[in-house]
């Protein structure tokens, strides 16, 4: 009976290690991707030289960045850090690519993330 318990414990430990390795590989593969995900954001209907237009475009950029960087079903710390980094980089790149001073003024130079429940 003792060997049955030991064999079951070994099998469970082996299975658990395999599951952890697969999850880690998936997150690592996603994090090592050099290319940021993209989504086109239209602003032809906005006058981005005005504060209201720049603010509306910034909102669209943030929403698009959150959408393309989202990973559903994963809530561990490493994945959440990747999502935050991806979102920040996507927003920074979009703001830089537009090249509007009014839009750039809306993007803080350092983004601070607070923990949430």
N, C-alpha and C. Protein backbone atom coordinates (compact mmCIF):
# COMPACT_ATOMS: atom_id res chain seq x y z
N UNK A 1 0.82 -1.19 0.00
CA UNK A 1 0.00 0.00 0.00
C UNK A 1 0.87 1.26 0.00
N UNK A 2 1.97 1.20 0.71
CA UNK A 2 2.88 2.34 0.79
C UNK A 2 3.44 2.67 -0.59
N UNK A 3 3.77 1.66 -1.39
CA UNK A 3 4.29 1.92 -2.73
C UNK A 3 3.22 2.52 -3.64
N UNK A 4 1.96 2.18 -3.44
CA UNK A 4 0.87 2.76 -4.23
C UNK A 4 0.77 4.25 -3.96
N UNK A 5 0.89 4.64 -2.72
CA UNK A 5 0.83 6.06 -2.35
C UNK A 5 2.03 6.80 -2.93
N UNK A 6 3.20 6.19 -2.84
CA UNK A 6 4.40 6.82 -3.38
C UNK A 6 4.31 6.98 -4.90
N UNK A 7 3.82 5.96 -5.59
CA UNK A 7 3.68 6.03 -7.03
C UNK A 7 2.67 7.10 -7.44
N UNK A 8 1.58 7.19 -6.70
CA UNK A 8 0.56 8.20 -6.98
C UNK A 8 1.12 9.60 -6.74
N UNK A 9 1.86 9.76 -5.67
CA UNK A 9 2.46 11.07 -5.36
C UNK A 9 3.47 11.45 -6.43
N UNK A 10 4.27 10.50 -6.89
CA UNK A 10 5.25 10.78 -7.95
C UNK A 10 4.55 11.17 -9.25
N UNK A 11 3.49 10.45 -9.58
CA UNK A 11 2.75 10.75 -10.81
C UNK A 11 2.12 12.14 -10.73
N UNK A 12 1.57 12.47 -9.57
CA UNK A 12 0.95 13.79 -9.38
C UNK A 12 2.00 14.89 -9.47
N UNK A 13 3.16 14.67 -8.87
CA UNK A 13 4.24 15.67 -8.91
C UNK A 13 4.74 15.84 -10.34
N UNK A 14 4.88 14.76 -11.08
CA UNK A 14 5.32 14.81 -12.47
C UNK A 14 4.31 15.59 -13.32
N UNK A 15 3.04 15.31 -13.13
CA UNK A 15 1.98 16.00 -13.86
C UNK A 15 1.99 17.49 -13.54
N UNK A 16 2.12 17.84 -12.27
CA UNK A 16 2.14 19.23 -11.86
C UNK A 16 3.34 19.97 -12.46
N UNK A 17 4.51 19.35 -12.46
CA UNK A 17 5.69 19.98 -13.06
C UNK A 17 5.49 20.20 -14.56
N UNK A 18 4.89 19.24 -15.23
CA UNK A 18 4.62 19.39 -16.66
C UNK A 18 3.65 20.52 -16.94
N UNK A 19 2.61 20.63 -16.13
CA UNK A 19 1.62 21.70 -16.32
C UNK A 19 2.26 23.07 -16.09
N UNK A 20 3.08 23.18 -15.07
CA UNK A 20 3.77 24.45 -14.79
C UNK A 20 4.72 24.80 -15.94
N UNK A 21 5.43 23.82 -16.45
CA UNK A 21 6.37 24.06 -17.56
C UNK A 21 5.62 24.55 -18.80
N UNK A 22 4.47 23.95 -19.10
CA UNK A 22 3.69 24.38 -20.26
C UNK A 22 3.19 25.81 -20.11
N UNK A 23 2.69 26.15 -18.93
CA UNK A 23 2.22 27.52 -18.70
C UNK A 23 3.37 28.52 -18.81
N UNK A 24 4.51 28.17 -18.26
CA UNK A 24 5.67 29.06 -18.31
C UNK A 24 6.13 29.26 -19.75
N UNK A 25 6.15 28.21 -20.54
CA UNK A 25 6.57 28.32 -21.93
C UNK A 25 5.62 29.21 -22.72
N UNK A 26 4.33 29.09 -22.45
CA UNK A 26 3.36 29.90 -23.19
C UNK A 26 3.56 31.38 -22.86
N UNK A 27 3.71 31.72 -21.61
CA UNK A 27 3.92 33.11 -21.22
C UNK A 27 5.25 33.62 -21.75
N UNK A 28 6.30 32.81 -21.68
CA UNK A 28 7.62 33.20 -22.16
C UNK A 28 7.58 33.44 -23.66
N UNK A 29 6.92 32.58 -24.39
CA UNK A 29 6.84 32.74 -25.84
C UNK A 29 6.10 34.03 -26.18
N UNK A 30 5.07 34.33 -25.46
CA UNK A 30 4.31 35.56 -25.72
C UNK A 30 5.14 36.78 -25.35
N UNK A 31 5.87 36.69 -24.22
CA UNK A 31 6.66 37.84 -23.76
C UNK A 31 7.87 38.10 -24.63
N UNK A 32 8.41 37.08 -25.26
CA UNK A 32 9.61 37.28 -26.05
C UNK A 32 9.31 37.79 -27.46
N UNK A 33 8.06 37.90 -27.80
CA UNK A 33 7.69 38.39 -29.11
C UNK A 33 8.08 39.86 -29.21
N UNK A 34 8.99 40.17 -30.15
CA UNK A 34 9.49 41.54 -30.28
C UNK A 34 8.46 42.49 -30.87
N UNK A 35 7.60 42.02 -31.71
CA UNK A 35 6.62 42.88 -32.37
C UNK A 35 5.41 43.07 -31.47
N UNK A 36 5.06 44.32 -31.25
CA UNK A 36 3.85 44.60 -30.49
C UNK A 36 2.63 44.29 -31.33
N UNK A 37 1.58 43.81 -30.70
CA UNK A 37 0.34 43.62 -31.46
C UNK A 37 -0.18 44.99 -31.89
N UNK A 38 -0.89 45.04 -33.00
CA UNK A 38 -1.36 46.33 -33.50
C UNK A 38 -2.85 46.30 -33.81
N UNK A 39 -3.41 47.48 -33.83
CA UNK A 39 -4.79 47.68 -34.24
C UNK A 39 -4.89 49.09 -34.78
N UNK A 40 -5.53 49.26 -35.92
CA UNK A 40 -5.67 50.60 -36.49
C UNK A 40 -6.71 51.38 -35.70
N UNK A 41 -6.37 52.64 -35.44
CA UNK A 41 -7.28 53.54 -34.74
C UNK A 41 -7.52 54.73 -35.66
N UNK A 42 -8.77 54.92 -36.02
CA UNK A 42 -9.11 56.02 -36.92
C UNK A 42 -9.32 57.30 -36.12
N UNK A 43 -8.80 58.39 -36.67
CA UNK A 43 -9.05 59.69 -36.04
C UNK A 43 -9.33 60.75 -37.10
N UNK A 44 -9.79 60.30 -38.26
CA UNK A 44 -10.12 61.24 -39.33
C UNK A 44 -11.25 62.19 -38.93
N UNK A 45 -12.08 61.75 -38.01
CA UNK A 45 -13.21 62.57 -37.57
C UNK A 45 -12.84 63.55 -36.44
N UNK A 46 -11.57 63.55 -36.02
CA UNK A 46 -11.14 64.38 -34.89
C UNK A 46 -10.18 65.47 -35.34
N UNK A 47 -10.25 66.60 -34.66
CA UNK A 47 -9.25 67.66 -34.84
C UNK A 47 -8.29 67.53 -33.67
N UNK A 48 -7.19 66.79 -33.90
CA UNK A 48 -6.28 66.48 -32.79
C UNK A 48 -5.37 67.65 -32.42
N UNK A 49 -5.49 68.76 -33.12
CA UNK A 49 -4.74 69.94 -32.71
C UNK A 49 -5.44 70.64 -31.54
N UNK A 50 -6.68 70.29 -31.31
CA UNK A 50 -7.46 70.84 -30.20
C UNK A 50 -7.44 69.84 -29.03
N UNK A 51 -7.46 70.34 -27.80
CA UNK A 51 -7.40 69.44 -26.63
C UNK A 51 -8.51 68.38 -26.61
N UNK A 52 -9.72 68.74 -26.99
CA UNK A 52 -10.82 67.77 -26.97
C UNK A 52 -10.59 66.64 -27.98
N UNK A 53 -10.10 66.97 -29.16
CA UNK A 53 -9.81 65.96 -30.17
C UNK A 53 -8.67 65.06 -29.76
N UNK A 54 -7.61 65.65 -29.18
CA UNK A 54 -6.47 64.87 -28.71
C UNK A 54 -6.89 63.93 -27.59
N UNK A 55 -7.74 64.42 -26.70
CA UNK A 55 -8.21 63.60 -25.58
C UNK A 55 -9.05 62.42 -26.09
N UNK A 56 -9.89 62.67 -27.08
CA UNK A 56 -10.71 61.60 -27.66
C UNK A 56 -9.82 60.55 -28.33
N UNK A 57 -8.82 61.00 -29.08
CA UNK A 57 -7.90 60.06 -29.73
C UNK A 57 -7.11 59.28 -28.69
N UNK A 58 -6.65 59.94 -27.65
CA UNK A 58 -5.90 59.25 -26.61
C UNK A 58 -6.75 58.14 -25.99
N UNK A 59 -8.02 58.42 -25.75
CA UNK A 59 -8.93 57.40 -25.23
C UNK A 59 -9.05 56.21 -26.16
N UNK A 60 -9.12 56.48 -27.47
CA UNK A 60 -9.20 55.40 -28.46
C UNK A 60 -7.92 54.57 -28.47
N UNK A 61 -6.78 55.26 -28.36
CA UNK A 61 -5.48 54.56 -28.36
C UNK A 61 -5.37 53.66 -27.14
N UNK A 62 -5.74 54.17 -25.98
CA UNK A 62 -5.68 53.37 -24.74
C UNK A 62 -6.59 52.15 -24.85
N UNK A 63 -7.80 52.35 -25.35
CA UNK A 63 -8.74 51.23 -25.50
C UNK A 63 -8.19 50.18 -26.46
N UNK A 64 -7.62 50.62 -27.57
CA UNK A 64 -7.06 49.68 -28.54
C UNK A 64 -5.86 48.93 -27.96
N UNK A 65 -5.00 49.63 -27.23
CA UNK A 65 -3.83 48.98 -26.61
C UNK A 65 -4.27 47.93 -25.60
N UNK A 66 -5.26 48.26 -24.80
CA UNK A 66 -5.76 47.28 -23.82
C UNK A 66 -6.37 46.07 -24.52
N UNK A 67 -7.02 46.32 -25.64
CA UNK A 67 -7.66 45.23 -26.38
C UNK A 67 -6.62 44.28 -26.99
N UNK A 68 -5.61 44.83 -27.65
CA UNK A 68 -4.64 43.96 -28.34
C UNK A 68 -3.65 43.30 -27.39
N UNK A 69 -3.47 43.86 -26.21
CA UNK A 69 -2.53 43.28 -25.25
C UNK A 69 -3.19 42.37 -24.22
N UNK A 70 -4.50 42.26 -24.27
CA UNK A 70 -5.22 41.45 -23.28
C UNK A 70 -4.94 39.97 -23.47
N UNK A 71 -4.79 39.27 -22.38
CA UNK A 71 -4.66 37.81 -22.36
C UNK A 71 -5.77 37.27 -21.48
N UNK A 72 -6.79 36.73 -22.06
CA UNK A 72 -7.91 36.24 -21.26
C UNK A 72 -7.54 34.92 -20.58
N UNK A 73 -8.01 34.77 -19.37
CA UNK A 73 -7.81 33.53 -18.64
C UNK A 73 -6.54 33.45 -17.81
N UNK A 74 -5.64 34.40 -17.97
CA UNK A 74 -4.38 34.38 -17.21
C UNK A 74 -4.38 35.53 -16.22
N UNK A 75 -4.15 35.23 -14.95
CA UNK A 75 -4.16 36.26 -13.92
C UNK A 75 -2.93 36.20 -13.02
N UNK A 76 -1.89 35.50 -13.44
CA UNK A 76 -0.70 35.43 -12.60
C UNK A 76 0.12 36.71 -12.75
N UNK A 77 1.00 36.94 -11.82
CA UNK A 77 1.77 38.18 -11.76
C UNK A 77 2.62 38.41 -13.02
N UNK A 78 3.27 37.38 -13.51
CA UNK A 78 4.12 37.53 -14.70
C UNK A 78 3.32 37.95 -15.92
N UNK A 79 2.17 37.34 -16.10
CA UNK A 79 1.32 37.68 -17.24
C UNK A 79 0.79 39.09 -17.11
N UNK A 80 0.38 39.47 -15.93
CA UNK A 80 -0.16 40.82 -15.73
C UNK A 80 0.93 41.87 -15.96
N UNK A 81 2.16 41.57 -15.58
CA UNK A 81 3.26 42.49 -15.84
C UNK A 81 3.50 42.63 -17.35
N UNK A 82 3.41 41.51 -18.06
CA UNK A 82 3.58 41.55 -19.51
C UNK A 82 2.47 42.38 -20.15
N UNK A 83 1.23 42.18 -19.70
CA UNK A 83 0.10 42.93 -20.24
C UNK A 83 0.30 44.43 -20.01
N UNK A 84 0.71 44.82 -18.81
CA UNK A 84 0.94 46.23 -18.50
C UNK A 84 2.06 46.81 -19.38
N UNK A 85 3.14 46.05 -19.53
CA UNK A 85 4.27 46.52 -20.35
C UNK A 85 3.85 46.64 -21.81
N UNK A 86 3.15 45.66 -22.32
CA UNK A 86 2.68 45.67 -23.70
C UNK A 86 1.76 46.87 -23.93
N UNK A 87 0.83 47.08 -23.01
CA UNK A 87 -0.11 48.21 -23.14
C UNK A 87 0.63 49.53 -23.13
N UNK A 88 1.56 49.70 -22.20
CA UNK A 88 2.32 50.96 -22.12
C UNK A 88 3.13 51.19 -23.40
N UNK A 89 3.78 50.15 -23.89
CA UNK A 89 4.59 50.30 -25.10
C UNK A 89 3.72 50.60 -26.32
N UNK A 90 2.57 49.95 -26.40
CA UNK A 90 1.67 50.19 -27.53
C UNK A 90 1.15 51.63 -27.51
N UNK A 91 0.80 52.13 -26.33
CA UNK A 91 0.33 53.51 -26.21
C UNK A 91 1.46 54.48 -26.58
N UNK A 92 2.64 54.25 -26.02
CA UNK A 92 3.78 55.12 -26.32
C UNK A 92 4.07 55.18 -27.81
N UNK A 93 4.07 54.01 -28.45
CA UNK A 93 4.37 53.95 -29.88
C UNK A 93 3.29 54.68 -30.69
N UNK A 94 2.04 54.47 -30.35
CA UNK A 94 0.95 55.12 -31.10
C UNK A 94 1.01 56.63 -30.94
N UNK A 95 1.24 57.10 -29.73
CA UNK A 95 1.32 58.55 -29.49
C UNK A 95 2.49 59.13 -30.27
N UNK A 96 3.62 58.44 -30.24
CA UNK A 96 4.81 58.91 -30.97
C UNK A 96 4.56 58.91 -32.48
N UNK A 97 3.91 57.85 -32.99
CA UNK A 97 3.65 57.74 -34.42
C UNK A 97 2.71 58.84 -34.93
N UNK A 98 1.75 59.25 -34.11
CA UNK A 98 0.84 60.31 -34.53
C UNK A 98 1.59 61.64 -34.61
N UNK A 99 2.46 61.88 -33.65
CA UNK A 99 3.30 63.07 -33.68
C UNK A 99 2.58 64.38 -33.39
N UNK A 100 1.53 64.32 -32.61
CA UNK A 100 0.79 65.53 -32.26
C UNK A 100 1.24 66.03 -30.88
N UNK A 101 1.66 67.29 -30.78
CA UNK A 101 2.05 67.82 -29.47
C UNK A 101 0.90 67.77 -28.46
N UNK A 102 -0.33 68.03 -28.91
CA UNK A 102 -1.47 67.99 -28.00
C UNK A 102 -1.70 66.57 -27.47
N UNK A 103 -1.49 65.58 -28.32
CA UNK A 103 -1.65 64.18 -27.91
C UNK A 103 -0.50 63.78 -26.99
N UNK A 104 0.71 64.17 -27.34
CA UNK A 104 1.88 63.83 -26.52
C UNK A 104 1.77 64.42 -25.12
N UNK A 105 1.15 65.57 -25.00
CA UNK A 105 1.00 66.21 -23.69
C UNK A 105 0.09 65.40 -22.76
N UNK A 106 -0.75 64.54 -23.33
CA UNK A 106 -1.65 63.73 -22.51
C UNK A 106 -0.98 62.48 -21.96
N UNK A 107 0.15 62.10 -22.53
CA UNK A 107 0.84 60.87 -22.11
C UNK A 107 1.90 61.20 -21.06
N UNK A 108 1.70 60.73 -19.84
CA UNK A 108 2.73 60.98 -18.82
C UNK A 108 4.03 60.28 -19.19
N UNK A 109 5.14 60.88 -18.80
CA UNK A 109 6.44 60.29 -19.15
C UNK A 109 6.71 59.01 -18.38
N UNK A 110 6.16 58.87 -17.18
CA UNK A 110 6.32 57.66 -16.39
C UNK A 110 4.95 57.20 -15.94
N UNK A 111 4.61 55.97 -16.30
CA UNK A 111 3.32 55.42 -15.93
C UNK A 111 3.50 54.59 -14.67
N UNK A 112 2.63 54.81 -13.70
CA UNK A 112 2.68 54.09 -12.44
C UNK A 112 1.46 53.17 -12.38
N UNK A 113 1.69 51.88 -12.10
CA UNK A 113 0.61 50.93 -11.98
C UNK A 113 0.41 50.60 -10.50
N UNK A 114 -0.83 50.68 -10.08
CA UNK A 114 -1.16 50.32 -8.71
C UNK A 114 -1.77 48.94 -8.70
N UNK A 115 -1.52 48.19 -7.64
CA UNK A 115 -2.11 46.85 -7.52
C UNK A 115 -3.60 46.99 -7.36
N UNK A 116 -4.33 46.03 -7.93
CA UNK A 116 -5.78 46.04 -7.79
C UNK A 116 -6.25 44.64 -7.42
N UNK A 117 -7.40 44.58 -6.85
CA UNK A 117 -7.97 43.27 -6.45
C UNK A 117 -8.77 42.69 -7.56
